[in-house]
Amino acid sequence: MTSPDTSAGLTGERRQQIKAIVCDILEIDEDAVTETSLFKEDHDADSLRAIEILAALERTEKITIDQAELATMVNLAGVYKVVEQAAGR
């Protein structure tokens, strides 16, 4: 079950790995996070956690993410988008 916009993007396995990283950093259960749940508002994440997520993704995905992208990384959908864009460079 893939949406049309993911066919050329991240695989389901890669999305799951990214979700696991995000949930580990936010210290929340993976079942509690949806693609659209907001890290700050729904999961009490602070800006330091967002930077930790960015750094962990750079390390594990071997990509570079501009810190300006933090504004997009407010939920999993945003994180997936930023990772896809960074990997495509």
C-alpha atoms as a PDB file:
ATOM      1  CA  MET A   1       0.000   0.000   0.000  1.00  0.00           C
ATOM      2  CA  THR A   2       2.087   2.909  -1.268  1.00  0.00           C
ATOM      3  CA  SER A   3       0.870   6.345  -2.149  1.00  0.00           C
ATOM      4  CA  PRO A   4       1.706   7.665  -5.622  1.00  0.00           C
ATOM      5  CA  ASP A   5       4.155  10.271  -4.332  1.00  0.00           C
ATOM      6  CA  THR A   6       6.385   7.633  -2.729  1.00  0.00           C
ATOM      7  CA  SER A   7       7.019   5.482  -5.793  1.00  0.00           C
ATOM      8  CA  ALA A   8      10.224   7.352  -6.630  1.00  0.00           C
ATOM      9  CA  GLY A   9      10.932   8.303  -3.014  1.00  0.00           C
ATOM     10  CA  LEU A  10      11.638   6.455   0.201  1.00  0.00           C
ATOM     11  CA  THR A  11      10.900   2.745   0.487  1.00  0.00           C
ATOM     12  CA  GLY A  12       8.637   1.461   3.223  1.00  0.00           C
ATOM     13  CA  GLU A  13      11.632  -0.072   4.978  1.00  0.00           C
ATOM     14  CA  ARG A  14      13.541   3.208   4.895  1.00  0.00           C
ATOM     15  CA  ARG A  15      10.498   5.095   6.180  1.00  0.00           C
ATOM     16  CA  GLN A  16      10.240   2.608   9.045  1.00  0.00           C
ATOM     17  CA  GLN A  17      13.918   3.122   9.922  1.00  0.00           C
ATOM     18  CA  ILE A  18      13.430   6.906   9.927  1.00  0.00           C
ATOM     19  CA  LYS A  19      10.311   6.573  12.083  1.00  0.00           C
ATOM     20  CA  ALA A  20      12.237   4.388  14.546  1.00  0.00           C
ATOM     21  CA  ILE A  21      14.990   7.016  14.809  1.00  0.00           C
ATOM     22  CA  VAL A  22      12.458   9.803  15.382  1.00  0.00           C
ATOM     23  CA  CYS A  23      10.549   7.813  18.011  1.00  0.00           C
ATOM     24  CA  ASP A  24      13.762   6.861  19.803  1.00  0.00           C
ATOM     25  CA  ILE A  25      14.844  10.491  20.032  1.00  0.00           C
ATOM     26  CA  LEU A  26      11.383  11.693  21.072  1.00  0.00           C
ATOM     27  CA  GLU A  27      11.145   8.780  23.536  1.00  0.00           C
ATOM     28  CA  ILE A  28       7.690   7.760  22.332  1.00  0.00           C
ATOM     29  CA  ASP A  29       6.124   4.525  21.121  1.00  0.00           C
ATOM     30  CA  GLU A  30       6.047   4.116  17.338  1.00  0.00           C
ATOM     31  CA  ASP A  31       2.304   3.401  17.552  1.00  0.00           C
ATOM     32  CA  ALA A  32       1.766   6.889  19.010  1.00  0.00           C
ATOM     33  CA  VAL A  33       3.185   8.664  15.945  1.00  0.00           C
ATOM     34  CA  THR A  34       1.378   9.174  12.666  1.00  0.00           C
ATOM     35  CA  GLU A  35       2.737  10.858   9.546  1.00  0.00           C
ATOM     36  CA  THR A  36       0.811  14.002  10.442  1.00  0.00           C
ATOM     37  CA  SER A  37       1.045  14.122  14.248  1.00  0.00           C
ATOM     38  CA  LEU A  38       3.065  17.174  15.221  1.00  0.00           C
ATOM     39  CA  PHE A  39       6.242  16.558  17.184  1.00  0.00           C
ATOM     40  CA  LYS A  40       5.999  19.707  19.312  1.00  0.00           C
ATOM     41  CA  GLU A  41       2.241  20.011  19.801  1.00  0.00           C
ATOM     42  CA  ASP A  42       1.285  16.323  19.998  1.00  0.00           C
ATOM     43  CA  HIS A  43       4.453  14.780  21.446  1.00  0.00           C
ATOM     44  CA  ASP A  44       5.965  17.600  23.553  1.00  0.00           C
ATOM     45  CA  ALA A  45       9.222  17.721  21.572  1.00  0.00           C
ATOM     46  CA  ASP A  46      11.441  20.770  22.002  1.00  0.00           C
ATOM     47  CA  SER A  47      13.784  22.394  19.485  1.00  0.00           C
ATOM     48  CA  LEU A  48      16.763  20.447  20.827  1.00  0.00           C
ATOM     49  CA  ARG A  49      15.001  17.187  19.936  1.00  0.00           C
ATOM     50  CA  ALA A  50      14.428  18.490  16.403  1.00  0.00           C
ATOM     51  CA  ILE A  51      18.155  19.174  16.050  1.00  0.00           C
ATOM     52  CA  GLU A  52      18.917  15.696  17.417  1.00  0.00           C
ATOM     53  CA  ILE A  53      16.595  14.191  14.783  1.00  0.00           C
ATOM     54  CA  LEU A  54      18.312  16.182  12.037  1.00  0.00           C
ATOM     55  CA  ALA A  55      21.780  15.093  13.201  1.00  0.00           C
ATOM     56  CA  ALA A  56      20.769  11.437  13.548  1.00  0.00           C
ATOM     57  CA  LEU A  57      19.270  11.411  10.054  1.00  0.00           C
ATOM     58  CA  GLU A  58      22.399  12.994   8.596  1.00  0.00           C
ATOM     59  CA  ARG A  59      24.474  10.276  10.257  1.00  0.00           C
ATOM     60  CA  THR A  60      22.329   7.271   9.399  1.00  0.00           C
ATOM     61  CA  GLU A  61      21.240   8.354   5.922  1.00  0.00           C
ATOM     62  CA  LYS A  62      24.659   9.838   5.033  1.00  0.00           C
ATOM     63  CA  ILE A  63      23.072  13.085   3.836  1.00  0.00           C
ATOM     64  CA  THR A  64      23.381  16.769   4.666  1.00  0.00           C
ATOM     65  CA  ILE A  65      20.275  18.618   5.814  1.00  0.00           C
ATOM     66  CA  ASP A  66      20.231  22.400   6.003  1.00  0.00           C
ATOM     67  CA  GLN A  67      19.070  23.621   9.432  1.00  0.00           C
ATOM     68  CA  ALA A  68      16.508  25.795   7.640  1.00  0.00           C
ATOM     69  CA  GLU A  69      14.690  22.517   6.929  1.00  0.00           C
ATOM     70  CA  LEU A  70      13.831  22.198  10.622  1.00  0.00           C
ATOM     71  CA  ALA A  71      10.737  24.294   9.866  1.00  0.00           C
ATOM     72  CA  THR A  72       9.532  21.496   7.565  1.00  0.00           C
ATOM     73  CA  MET A  73      10.424  18.689   9.969  1.00  0.00           C
ATOM     74  CA  VAL A  74       7.396  19.156  12.235  1.00  0.00           C
ATOM     75  CA  ASN A  75       6.003  15.652  11.632  1.00  0.00           C
ATOM     76  CA  LEU A  76       6.997  12.401   9.941  1.00  0.00           C
ATOM     77  CA  ALA A  77       5.651  13.513   6.567  1.00  0.00           C
ATOM     78  CA  GLY A  78       7.926  16.562   6.730  1.00  0.00           C
ATOM     79  CA  VAL A  79      10.901  14.467   7.804  1.00  0.00           C
ATOM     80  CA  TYR A  80      10.351  12.053   4.906  1.00  0.00           C
ATOM     81  CA  LYS A  81      10.144  14.982   2.469  1.00  0.00           C
ATOM     82  CA  VAL A  82      13.364  16.573   3.761  1.00  0.00           C
ATOM     83  CA  VAL A  83      15.251  13.254   3.663  1.00  0.00           C
ATOM     84  CA  GLU A  84      14.048  12.564   0.110  1.00  0.00           C
ATOM     85  CA  GLN A  85      15.157  16.028  -1.021  1.00  0.00           C
ATOM     86  CA  ALA A  86      18.541  15.755   0.696  1.00  0.00           C
ATOM     87  CA  ALA A  87      19.137  12.289  -0.751  1.00  0.00           C
ATOM     88  CA  GLY A  88      18.259  13.548  -4.219  1.00  0.00           C
ATOM     89  CA  ARG A  89      20.967  16.237  -4.227  1.00  0.00           C
END
